[in-house]
Amino acid sequence: MPNFSHGTAGIAYFLASLFSRTRARPFLEGAIAGAEY
């Protein structure tokens, strides 16, 4: 399931939120990869 509650959108959202707090690029790259999918 790709959307928010059980899938890619929610997981990528967490990774983007981690980047917001840490500025660690791998988290942003993972979040963008999820969004691009």
Full PDB file with SEQRES, HELIX, SHEET, SSBOND, CRYST1, ORIGX, SCALE, CONECT and MASTER records, all heavy atoms in Angstrom:
SEQRES   1 A   37  MET PRO ASN PHE SER HIS GLY THR ALA GLY ILE ALA TYR          
SEQRES   2 A   37  PHE LEU ALA SER LEU PHE SER ARG THR ARG ALA ARG PRO          
SEQRES   3 A   37  PHE LEU GLU GLY ALA ILE ALA GLY ALA GLU TYR                  
HELIX    1 AA1 THR A    8  THR A   22  1                                  15    
HELIX    2 AA2 ARG A   25  GLU A   36  1                                  12    
CRYST1    1.000    1.000    1.000  90.00  90.00  90.00 P 1           1          
ORIGX1      1.000000  0.000000  0.000000        0.00000                         
ORIGX2      0.000000  1.000000  0.000000        0.00000                         
ORIGX3      0.000000  0.000000  1.000000        0.00000                         
SCALE1      1.000000  0.000000  0.000000        0.00000                         
SCALE2      0.000000  1.000000  0.000000        0.00000                         
SCALE3      0.000000  0.000000  1.000000        0.00000                         
ATOM      1  N   MET A   1       0.854  -1.186   0.000  1.00  0.00           N  
ATOM      2  CA  MET A   1       0.000   0.000   0.000  1.00  0.00           C  
ATOM      3  C   MET A   1       0.891   1.237   0.000  1.00  0.00           C  
ATOM      4  O   MET A   1       1.629   1.464   0.951  1.00  0.00           O  
ATOM      5  CB  MET A   1      -0.928  -0.033   1.216  1.00  0.00           C  
ATOM      6  CG  MET A   1      -1.872  -1.225   1.200  1.00  0.00           C  
ATOM      7  SD  MET A   1      -2.746  -1.522   2.762  1.00  0.00           S  
ATOM      8  CE  MET A   1      -1.414  -2.168   3.776  1.00  0.00           C  
ATOM      9  N   PRO A   2       0.826   2.059  -1.031  1.00  0.00           N  
ATOM     10  CA  PRO A   2       1.821   3.120  -1.185  1.00  0.00           C  
ATOM     11  C   PRO A   2       1.543   4.407  -0.422  1.00  0.00           C  
ATOM     12  O   PRO A   2       2.453   5.223  -0.279  1.00  0.00           O  
ATOM     13  CB  PRO A   2       1.791   3.392  -2.692  1.00  0.00           C  
ATOM     14  CG  PRO A   2       0.398   3.048  -3.099  1.00  0.00           C  
ATOM     15  CD  PRO A   2       0.002   1.881  -2.238  1.00  0.00           C  
ATOM     16  N   ASN A   3       0.329   4.609   0.076  1.00  0.00           N  
ATOM     17  CA  ASN A   3      -0.035   5.919   0.599  1.00  0.00           C  
ATOM     18  C   ASN A   3       0.394   6.121   2.052  1.00  0.00           C  
ATOM     19  O   ASN A   3       1.366   5.520   2.500  1.00  0.00           O  
ATOM     20  CB  ASN A   3      -1.525   6.143   0.380  1.00  0.00           C  
ATOM     21  CG  ASN A   3      -1.849   6.398  -1.093  1.00  0.00           C  
ATOM     22  OD1 ASN A   3      -1.554   7.448  -1.639  1.00  0.00           O  
ATOM     23  ND2 ASN A   3      -2.438   5.397  -1.752  1.00  0.00           N  
ATOM     24  N   PHE A   4      -0.293   6.955   2.815  1.00  0.00           N  
ATOM     25  CA  PHE A   4       0.274   7.490   4.048  1.00  0.00           C  
ATOM     26  C   PHE A   4       0.246   6.529   5.230  1.00  0.00           C  
ATOM     27  O   PHE A   4       1.248   6.355   5.929  1.00  0.00           O  
ATOM     28  CB  PHE A   4      -0.443   8.792   4.438  1.00  0.00           C  
ATOM     29  CG  PHE A   4       0.273   9.578   5.498  1.00  0.00           C  
ATOM     30  CD1 PHE A   4       1.411  10.306   5.194  1.00  0.00           C  
ATOM     31  CD2 PHE A   4      -0.165   9.580   6.807  1.00  0.00           C  
ATOM     32  CE1 PHE A   4       2.099  11.027   6.166  1.00  0.00           C  
ATOM     33  CE2 PHE A   4       0.500  10.299   7.794  1.00  0.00           C  
ATOM     34  CZ  PHE A   4       1.640  11.021   7.474  1.00  0.00           C  
ATOM     35  N   SER A   5      -0.888   5.897   5.506  1.00  0.00           N  
ATOM     36  CA  SER A   5      -1.016   5.178   6.773  1.00  0.00           C  
ATOM     37  C   SER A   5      -0.161   3.931   6.853  1.00  0.00           C  
ATOM     38  O   SER A   5       0.376   3.597   7.912  1.00  0.00           O  
ATOM     39  CB  SER A   5      -2.480   4.815   7.029  1.00  0.00           C  
ATOM     40  OG  SER A   5      -2.958   3.912   6.048  1.00  0.00           O  
ATOM     41  N   HIS A   6      -0.039   3.212   5.731  1.00  0.00           N  
ATOM     42  CA  HIS A   6       0.646   1.924   5.748  1.00  0.00           C  
ATOM     43  C   HIS A   6       1.770   1.814   4.731  1.00  0.00           C  
ATOM     44  O   HIS A   6       2.254   0.704   4.492  1.00  0.00           O  
ATOM     45  CB  HIS A   6      -0.360   0.799   5.477  1.00  0.00           C  
ATOM     46  CG  HIS A   6      -1.325   0.551   6.591  1.00  0.00           C  
ATOM     47  ND1 HIS A   6      -0.928   0.280   7.888  1.00  0.00           N  
ATOM     48  CD2 HIS A   6      -2.681   0.539   6.605  1.00  0.00           C  
ATOM     49  CE1 HIS A   6      -1.996   0.106   8.643  1.00  0.00           C  
ATOM     50  NE2 HIS A   6      -3.068   0.262   7.901  1.00  0.00           N  
ATOM     51  N   GLY A   7       2.182   2.902   4.119  1.00  0.00           N  
ATOM     52  CA  GLY A   7       3.105   2.712   3.015  1.00  0.00           C  
ATOM     53  C   GLY A   7       4.163   3.776   2.841  1.00  0.00           C  
ATOM     54  O   GLY A   7       4.549   4.490   3.776  1.00  0.00           O  
ATOM     55  N   THR A   8       4.588   3.877   1.605  1.00  0.00           N  
ATOM     56  CA  THR A   8       5.741   4.688   1.237  1.00  0.00           C  
ATOM     57  C   THR A   8       5.585   6.145   1.646  1.00  0.00           C  
ATOM     58  O   THR A   8       6.539   6.765   2.147  1.00  0.00           O  
ATOM     59  CB  THR A   8       5.975   4.582  -0.280  1.00  0.00           C  
ATOM     60  OG1 THR A   8       6.313   3.224  -0.595  1.00  0.00           O  
ATOM     61  CG2 THR A   8       7.081   5.512  -0.744  1.00  0.00           C  
ATOM     62  N   ALA A   9       4.408   6.728   1.447  1.00  0.00           N  
ATOM     63  CA  ALA A   9       4.230   8.153   1.745  1.00  0.00           C  
ATOM     64  C   ALA A   9       4.494   8.452   3.217  1.00  0.00           C  
ATOM     65  O   ALA A   9       5.162   9.441   3.551  1.00  0.00           O  
ATOM     66  CB  ALA A   9       2.825   8.606   1.343  1.00  0.00           C  
ATOM     67  N   GLY A  10       3.974   7.611   4.115  1.00  0.00           N  
ATOM     68  CA  GLY A  10       4.178   7.848   5.535  1.00  0.00           C  
ATOM     69  C   GLY A  10       5.608   7.631   5.974  1.00  0.00           C  
ATOM     70  O   GLY A  10       6.147   8.386   6.799  1.00  0.00           O  
ATOM     71  N   ILE A  11       6.244   6.619   5.432  1.00  0.00           N  
ATOM     72  CA  ILE A  11       7.634   6.334   5.795  1.00  0.00           C  
ATOM     73  C   ILE A  11       8.558   7.435   5.280  1.00  0.00           C  
ATOM     74  O   ILE A  11       9.440   7.921   5.996  1.00  0.00           O  
ATOM     75  CB  ILE A  11       8.038   4.953   5.255  1.00  0.00           C  
ATOM     76  CG1 ILE A  11       7.224   3.877   5.986  1.00  0.00           C  
ATOM     77  CG2 ILE A  11       9.531   4.705   5.419  1.00  0.00           C  
ATOM     78  CD1 ILE A  11       7.154   2.547   5.273  1.00  0.00           C  
ATOM     79  N   ALA A  12       8.336   7.848   4.030  1.00  0.00           N  
ATOM     80  CA  ALA A  12       9.133   8.947   3.481  1.00  0.00           C  
ATOM     81  C   ALA A  12       8.885  10.242   4.249  1.00  0.00           C  
ATOM     82  O   ALA A  12       9.793  11.065   4.417  1.00  0.00           O  
ATOM     83  CB  ALA A  12       8.823   9.121   1.997  1.00  0.00           C  
ATOM     84  N   TYR A  13       7.659  10.435   4.728  1.00  0.00           N  
ATOM     85  CA  TYR A  13       7.350  11.616   5.551  1.00  0.00           C  
ATOM     86  C   TYR A  13       8.205  11.622   6.813  1.00  0.00           C  
ATOM     87  O   TYR A  13       8.751  12.668   7.205  1.00  0.00           O  
ATOM     88  CB  TYR A  13       5.868  11.634   5.907  1.00  0.00           C  
ATOM     89  CG  TYR A  13       5.503  12.749   6.839  1.00  0.00           C  
ATOM     90  CD1 TYR A  13       5.192  14.011   6.346  1.00  0.00           C  
ATOM     91  CD2 TYR A  13       5.493  12.562   8.216  1.00  0.00           C  
ATOM     92  CE1 TYR A  13       4.874  15.057   7.209  1.00  0.00           C  
ATOM     93  CE2 TYR A  13       5.186  13.594   9.078  1.00  0.00           C  
ATOM     94  CZ  TYR A  13       4.880  14.837   8.569  1.00  0.00           C  
ATOM     95  OH  TYR A  13       4.578  15.868   9.428  1.00  0.00           O  
ATOM     96  N   PHE A  14       8.319  10.478   7.465  1.00  0.00           N  
ATOM     97  CA  PHE A  14       9.175  10.404   8.656  1.00  0.00           C  
ATOM     98  C   PHE A  14      10.617  10.729   8.300  1.00  0.00           C  
ATOM     99  O   PHE A  14      11.303  11.468   9.024  1.00  0.00           O  
ATOM    100  CB  PHE A  14       9.070   9.023   9.296  1.00  0.00           C  
ATOM    101  CG  PHE A  14      10.123   8.751  10.328  1.00  0.00           C  
ATOM    102  CD1 PHE A  14      10.304   9.604  11.409  1.00  0.00           C  
ATOM    103  CD2 PHE A  14      10.947   7.644  10.219  1.00  0.00           C  
ATOM    104  CE1 PHE A  14      11.297   9.359  12.359  1.00  0.00           C  
ATOM    105  CE2 PHE A  14      11.933   7.382  11.163  1.00  0.00           C  
ATOM    106  CZ  PHE A  14      12.108   8.245  12.234  1.00  0.00           C  
ATOM    107  N   LEU A  15      11.112  10.198   7.191  1.00  0.00           N  
ATOM    108  CA  LEU A  15      12.491  10.473   6.797  1.00  0.00           C  
ATOM    109  C   LEU A  15      12.695  11.965   6.527  1.00  0.00           C  
ATOM    110  O   LEU A  15      13.727  12.536   6.918  1.00  0.00           O  
ATOM    111  CB  LEU A  15      12.852   9.647   5.565  1.00  0.00           C  
ATOM    112  CG  LEU A  15      12.866   8.124   5.757  1.00  0.00           C  
ATOM    113  CD1 LEU A  15      13.127   7.423   4.439  1.00  0.00           C  
ATOM    114  CD2 LEU A  15      13.893   7.703   6.810  1.00  0.00           C  
ATOM    115  N   ALA A  16      11.737  12.598   5.869  1.00  0.00           N  
ATOM    116  CA  ALA A  16      11.839  14.042   5.630  1.00  0.00           C  
ATOM    117  C   ALA A  16      11.824  14.816   6.943  1.00  0.00           C  
ATOM    118  O   ALA A  16      12.523  15.828   7.097  1.00  0.00           O  
ATOM    119  CB  ALA A  16      10.706  14.508   4.715  1.00  0.00           C  
ATOM    120  N   SER A  17      11.025  14.350   7.899  1.00  0.00           N  
ATOM    121  CA  SER A  17      10.978  15.001   9.209  1.00  0.00           C  
ATOM    122  C   SER A  17      12.294  14.822   9.951  1.00  0.00           C  
ATOM    123  O   SER A  17      12.754  15.735  10.660  1.00  0.00           O  
ATOM    124  CB  SER A  17       9.814  14.428  10.027  1.00  0.00           C  
ATOM    125  OG  SER A  17       8.580  14.659   9.373  1.00  0.00           O  
ATOM    126  N   LEU A  18      12.918  13.653   9.802  1.00  0.00           N  
ATOM    127  CA  LEU A  18      14.245  13.443  10.382  1.00  0.00           C  
ATOM    128  C   LEU A  18      15.265  14.407   9.787  1.00  0.00           C  
ATOM    129  O   LEU A  18      16.104  14.970  10.501  1.00  0.00           O  
ATOM    130  CB  LEU A  18      14.705  12.008  10.130  1.00  0.00           C  
ATOM    131  CG  LEU A  18      14.443  10.961  11.203  1.00  0.00           C  
ATOM    132  CD1 LEU A  18      14.928   9.606  10.719  1.00  0.00           C  
ATOM    133  CD2 LEU A  18      15.108  11.334  12.524  1.00  0.00           C  
ATOM    134  N   PHE A  19      15.205  14.597   8.474  1.00  0.00           N  
ATOM    135  CA  PHE A  19      16.114  15.546   7.845  1.00  0.00           C  
ATOM    136  C   PHE A  19      15.886  16.952   8.390  1.00  0.00           C  
ATOM    137  O   PHE A  19      16.840  17.699   8.655  1.00  0.00           O  
ATOM    138  CB  PHE A  19      15.948  15.548   6.330  1.00  0.00           C  
ATOM    139  CG  PHE A  19      16.717  16.649   5.660  1.00  0.00           C  
ATOM    140  CD1 PHE A  19      18.098  16.566   5.534  1.00  0.00           C  
ATOM    141  CD2 PHE A  19      16.072  17.791   5.200  1.00  0.00           C  
ATOM    142  CE1 PHE A  19      18.822  17.597   4.949  1.00  0.00           C  
ATOM    143  CE2 PHE A  19      16.787  18.826   4.605  1.00  0.00           C  
ATOM    144  CZ  PHE A  19      18.164  18.725   4.482  1.00  0.00           C  
ATOM    145  N   SER A  20      14.624  17.316   8.568  1.00  0.00           N  
ATOM    146  CA  SER A  20      14.311  18.644   9.098  1.00  0.00           C  
ATOM    147  C   SER A  20      14.974  18.862  10.447  1.00  0.00           C  
ATOM    148  O   SER A  20      15.437  19.961  10.750  1.00  0.00           O  
ATOM    149  CB  SER A  20      12.798  18.802   9.220  1.00  0.00           C  
ATOM    150  OG  SER A  20      12.461  20.045   9.788  1.00  0.00           O  
ATOM    151  N   ARG A  21      15.058  17.803  11.248  1.00  0.00           N  
ATOM    152  CA  ARG A  21      15.626  17.929  12.591  1.00  0.00           C  
ATOM    153  C   ARG A  21      17.141  17.771  12.605  1.00  0.00           C  
ATOM    154  O   ARG A  21      17.828  18.399  13.413  1.00  0.00           O  
ATOM    155  CB  ARG A  21      14.979  16.876  13.505  1.00  0.00           C  
ATOM    156  CG  ARG A  21      15.419  16.954  14.950  1.00  0.00           C  
ATOM    157  CD  ARG A  21      14.954  18.244  15.609  1.00  0.00           C  
ATOM    158  NE  ARG A  21      15.479  18.338  16.975  1.00  0.00           N  
ATOM    159  CZ  ARG A  21      16.700  18.796  17.282  1.00  0.00           C  
ATOM    160  NH1 ARG A  21      17.533  19.191  16.309  1.00  0.00           N  
ATOM    161  NH2 ARG A  21      17.086  18.863  18.538  1.00  0.00           N  
ATOM    162  N   THR A  22      17.702  16.916  11.706  1.00  0.00           N  
ATOM    163  CA  THR A  22      19.127  16.575  11.788  1.00  0.00           C  
ATOM    164  C   THR A  22      19.974  17.172  10.671  1.00  0.00           C  
ATOM    165  O   THR A  22      21.196  17.252  10.812  1.00  0.00           O  
ATOM    166  CB  THR A  22      19.307  15.052  11.713  1.00  0.00           C  
ATOM    167  OG1 THR A  22      18.896  14.585  10.414  1.00  0.00           O  
ATOM    168  CG2 THR A  22      18.492  14.352  12.792  1.00  0.00           C  
ATOM    169  N   ARG A  23      19.337  17.504   9.540  1.00  0.00           N  
ATOM    170  CA  ARG A  23      20.012  17.969   8.309  1.00  0.00           C  
ATOM    171  C   ARG A  23      20.924  16.890   7.734  1.00  0.00           C  
ATOM    172  O   ARG A  23      21.830  17.193   6.942  1.00  0.00           O  
ATOM    173  CB  ARG A  23      20.810  19.260   8.533  1.00  0.00           C  
ATOM    174  CG  ARG A  23      20.076  20.358   9.263  1.00  0.00           C  
ATOM    175  CD  ARG A  23      18.680  20.592   8.735  1.00  0.00           C  
ATOM    176  NE  ARG A  23      18.662  21.213   7.395  1.00  0.00           N  
ATOM    177  CZ  ARG A  23      17.554  21.552   6.750  1.00  0.00           C  
ATOM    178  NH1 ARG A  23      16.365  21.297   7.299  1.00  0.00           N  
ATOM    179  NH2 ARG A  23      17.620  22.104   5.554  1.00  0.00           N  
ATOM    180  N   ALA A  24      20.680  15.630   8.071  1.00  0.00           N  
ATOM    181  CA  ALA A  24      21.465  14.521   7.524  1.00  0.00           C  
ATOM    182  C   ALA A  24      20.937  14.180   6.131  1.00  0.00           C  
ATOM    183  O   ALA A  24      19.783  13.758   5.993  1.00  0.00           O  
ATOM    184  CB  ALA A  24      21.384  13.304   8.447  1.00  0.00           C  
ATOM    185  N   ARG A  25      21.766  14.333   5.101  1.00  0.00           N  
ATOM    186  CA  ARG A  25      21.321  14.215   3.712  1.00  0.00           C  
ATOM    187  C   ARG A  25      20.725  12.858   3.362  1.00  0.00           C  
ATOM    188  O   ARG A  25      19.781  12.808   2.560  1.00  0.00           O  
ATOM    189  CB  ARG A  25      22.494  14.504   2.772  1.00  0.00           C  
ATOM    190  CG  ARG A  25      23.017  15.915   2.821  1.00  0.00           C  
ATOM    191  CD  ARG A  25      22.090  16.924   2.193  1.00  0.00           C  
ATOM    192  NE  ARG A  25      21.758  16.627   0.808  1.00  0.00           N  
ATOM    193  CZ  ARG A  25      20.960  17.406   0.064  1.00  0.00           C  
ATOM    194  NH1 ARG A  25      20.443  18.501   0.582  1.00  0.00           N  
ATOM    195  NH2 ARG A  25      20.686  17.073  -1.176  1.00  0.00           N  
ATOM    196  N   PRO A  26      21.210  11.730   3.893  1.00  0.00           N  
ATOM    197  CA  PRO A  26      20.592  10.458   3.498  1.00  0.00           C  
ATOM    198  C   PRO A  26      19.097  10.390   3.780  1.00  0.00           C  
ATOM    199  O   PRO A  26      18.361   9.746   3.032  1.00  0.00           O  
ATOM    200  CB  PRO A  26      21.371   9.423   4.322  1.00  0.00           C  
ATOM    201  CG  PRO A  26      22.709  10.060   4.544  1.00  0.00           C  
ATOM    202  CD  PRO A  26      22.418  11.509   4.725  1.00  0.00           C  
ATOM    203  N   PHE A  27      18.650  11.063   4.837  1.00  0.00           N  
ATOM    204  CA  PHE A  27      17.218  11.043   5.131  1.00  0.00           C  
ATOM    205  C   PHE A  27      16.432  11.839   4.086  1.00  0.00           C  
ATOM    206  O   PHE A  27      15.356  11.421   3.656  1.00  0.00           O  
ATOM    207  CB  PHE A  27      16.955  11.577   6.538  1.00  0.00           C  
ATOM    208  CG  PHE A  27      17.548  10.730   7.627  1.00  0.00           C  
ATOM    209  CD1 PHE A  27      18.267  11.302   8.662  1.00  0.00           C  
ATOM    210  CD2 PHE A  27      17.398   9.348   7.608  1.00  0.00           C  
ATOM    211  CE1 PHE A  27      18.816  10.522   9.667  1.00  0.00           C  
ATOM    212  CE2 PHE A  27      17.954   8.556   8.604  1.00  0.00           C  
ATOM    213  CZ  PHE A  27      18.665   9.144   9.629  1.00  0.00           C  
ATOM    214  N   LEU A  28      16.953  12.967   3.675  1.00  0.00           N  
ATOM    215  CA  LEU A  28      16.291  13.738   2.625  1.00  0.00           C  
ATOM    216  C   LEU A  28      16.291  12.957   1.317  1.00  0.00           C  
ATOM    217  O   LEU A  28      15.280  12.914   0.593  1.00  0.00           O  
ATOM    218  CB  LEU A  28      16.981  15.086   2.433  1.00  0.00           C  
ATOM    219  CG  LEU A  28      16.406  15.967   1.306  1.00  0.00           C  
ATOM    220  CD1 LEU A  28      14.944  16.295   1.573  1.00  0.00           C  
ATOM    221  CD2 LEU A  28      17.230  17.240   1.154  1.00  0.00           C  
ATOM    222  N   GLU A  29      17.405  12.333   0.997  1.00  0.00           N  
ATOM    223  CA  GLU A  29      17.489  11.553  -0.243  1.00  0.00           C  
ATOM    224  C   GLU A  29      16.493  10.398  -0.223  1.00  0.00           C  
ATOM    225  O   GLU A  29      15.844  10.103  -1.243  1.00  0.00           O  
ATOM    226  CB  GLU A  29      18.916  11.046  -0.427  1.00  0.00           C  
ATOM    227  CG  GLU A  29      19.911  12.164  -0.725  1.00  0.00           C  
ATOM    228  CD  GLU A  29      21.360  11.742  -0.540  1.00  0.00           C  
ATOM    229  OE1 GLU A  29      21.592  10.548  -0.191  1.00  0.00           O  
ATOM    230  OE2 GLU A  29      22.252  12.583  -0.725  1.00  0.00           O  
ATOM    231  N   GLY A  30      16.334   9.751   0.921  1.00  0.00           N  
ATOM    232  CA  GLY A  30      15.361   8.676   1.027  1.00  0.00           C  
ATOM    233  C   GLY A  30      13.941   9.180   0.885  1.00  0.00           C  
ATOM    234  O   GLY A  30      13.105   8.548   0.209  1.00  0.00           O  
ATOM    235  N   ALA A  31      13.647  10.319   1.505  1.00  0.00           N  
ATOM    236  CA  ALA A  31      12.308  10.895   1.406  1.00  0.00           C  
ATOM    237  C   ALA A  31      11.978  11.283  -0.031  1.00  0.00           C  
ATOM    238  O   ALA A  31      10.874  11.020  -0.524  1.00  0.00           O  
ATOM    239  CB  ALA A  31      12.198  12.110   2.322  1.00  0.00           C  
ATOM    240  N   ILE A  32      12.925  11.902  -0.707  1.00  0.00           N  
ATOM    241  CA  ILE A  32      12.698  12.292  -2.106  1.00  0.00           C  
ATOM    242  C   ILE A  32      12.547  11.057  -2.991  1.00  0.00           C  
ATOM    243  O   ILE A  32      11.707  11.024  -3.900  1.00  0.00           O  
ATOM    244  CB  ILE A  32      13.831  13.208  -2.598  1.00  0.00           C  
ATOM    245  CG1 ILE A  32      13.738  14.569  -1.885  1.00  0.00           C  
ATOM    246  CG2 ILE A  32      13.779  13.385  -4.109  1.00  0.00           C  
ATOM    247  CD1 ILE A  32      14.884  15.504  -2.202  1.00  0.00           C  
ATOM    248  N   ALA A  33      13.339  10.011  -2.712  1.00  0.00           N  
ATOM    249  CA  ALA A  33      13.204   8.771  -3.484  1.00  0.00           C  
ATOM    250  C   ALA A  33      11.798   8.195  -3.328  1.00  0.00           C  
ATOM    251  O   ALA A  33      11.197   7.710  -4.298  1.00  0.00           O  
ATOM    252  CB  ALA A  33      14.252   7.759  -3.039  1.00  0.00           C  
ATOM    253  N   GLY A  34      11.261   8.230  -2.113  1.00  0.00           N  
ATOM    254  CA  GLY A  34       9.889   7.776  -1.909  1.00  0.00           C  
ATOM    255  C   GLY A  34       8.889   8.618  -2.673  1.00  0.00           C  
ATOM    256  O   GLY A  34       7.961   8.099  -3.306  1.00  0.00           O  
ATOM    257  N   ALA A  35       9.067   9.931  -2.634  1.00  0.00           N  
ATOM    258  CA  ALA A  35       8.158  10.825  -3.350  1.00  0.00           C  
ATOM    259  C   ALA A  35       8.254  10.636  -4.856  1.00  0.00           C  
ATOM    260  O   ALA A  35       7.238  10.684  -5.570  1.00  0.00           O  
ATOM    261  CB  ALA A  35       8.457  12.272  -2.967  1.00  0.00           C  
ATOM    262  N   GLU A  36       9.456  10.422  -5.362  1.00  0.00           N  
ATOM    263  CA  GLU A  36       9.613  10.215  -6.804  1.00  0.00           C  
ATOM    264  C   GLU A  36       8.928   8.925  -7.244  1.00  0.00           C  
ATOM    265  O   GLU A  36       8.327   8.867  -8.326  1.00  0.00           O  
ATOM    266  CB  GLU A  36      11.096  10.203  -7.171  1.00  0.00           C  
ATOM    267  CG  GLU A  36      11.801  11.546  -7.012  1.00  0.00           C  
ATOM    268  CD  GLU A  36      11.260  12.606  -7.963  1.00  0.00           C  
ATOM    269  OE1 GLU A  36      10.647  12.254  -8.994  1.00  0.00           O  
ATOM    270  OE2 GLU A  36      11.454  13.806  -7.673  1.00  0.00           O  
ATOM    271  N   TYR A  37       9.024   7.895  -6.421  1.00  0.00           N  
ATOM    272  CA  TYR A  37       8.294   6.668  -6.748  1.00  0.00           C  
ATOM    273  C   TYR A  37       6.792   6.944  -6.813  1.00  0.00           C  
ATOM    274  O   TYR A  37       6.102   6.515  -7.751  1.00  0.00           O  
ATOM    275  CB  TYR A  37       8.579   5.568  -5.719  1.00  0.00           C  
ATOM    276  CG  TYR A  37       7.575   4.456  -5.792  1.00  0.00           C  
ATOM    277  CD1 TYR A  37       7.590   3.548  -6.849  1.00  0.00           C  
ATOM    278  CD2 TYR A  37       6.563   4.344  -4.829  1.00  0.00           C  
ATOM    279  CE1 TYR A  37       6.634   2.551  -6.941  1.00  0.00           C  
ATOM    280  CE2 TYR A  37       5.609   3.339  -4.915  1.00  0.00           C  
ATOM    281  CZ  TYR A  37       5.639   2.455  -5.968  1.00  0.00           C  
ATOM    282  OH  TYR A  37       4.694   1.470  -6.072  1.00  0.00           O  
TER     283      TYR A  37                                                      
MASTER        0    0    0    2    0    0    0    6  282    1    0    3          
END                                                                             
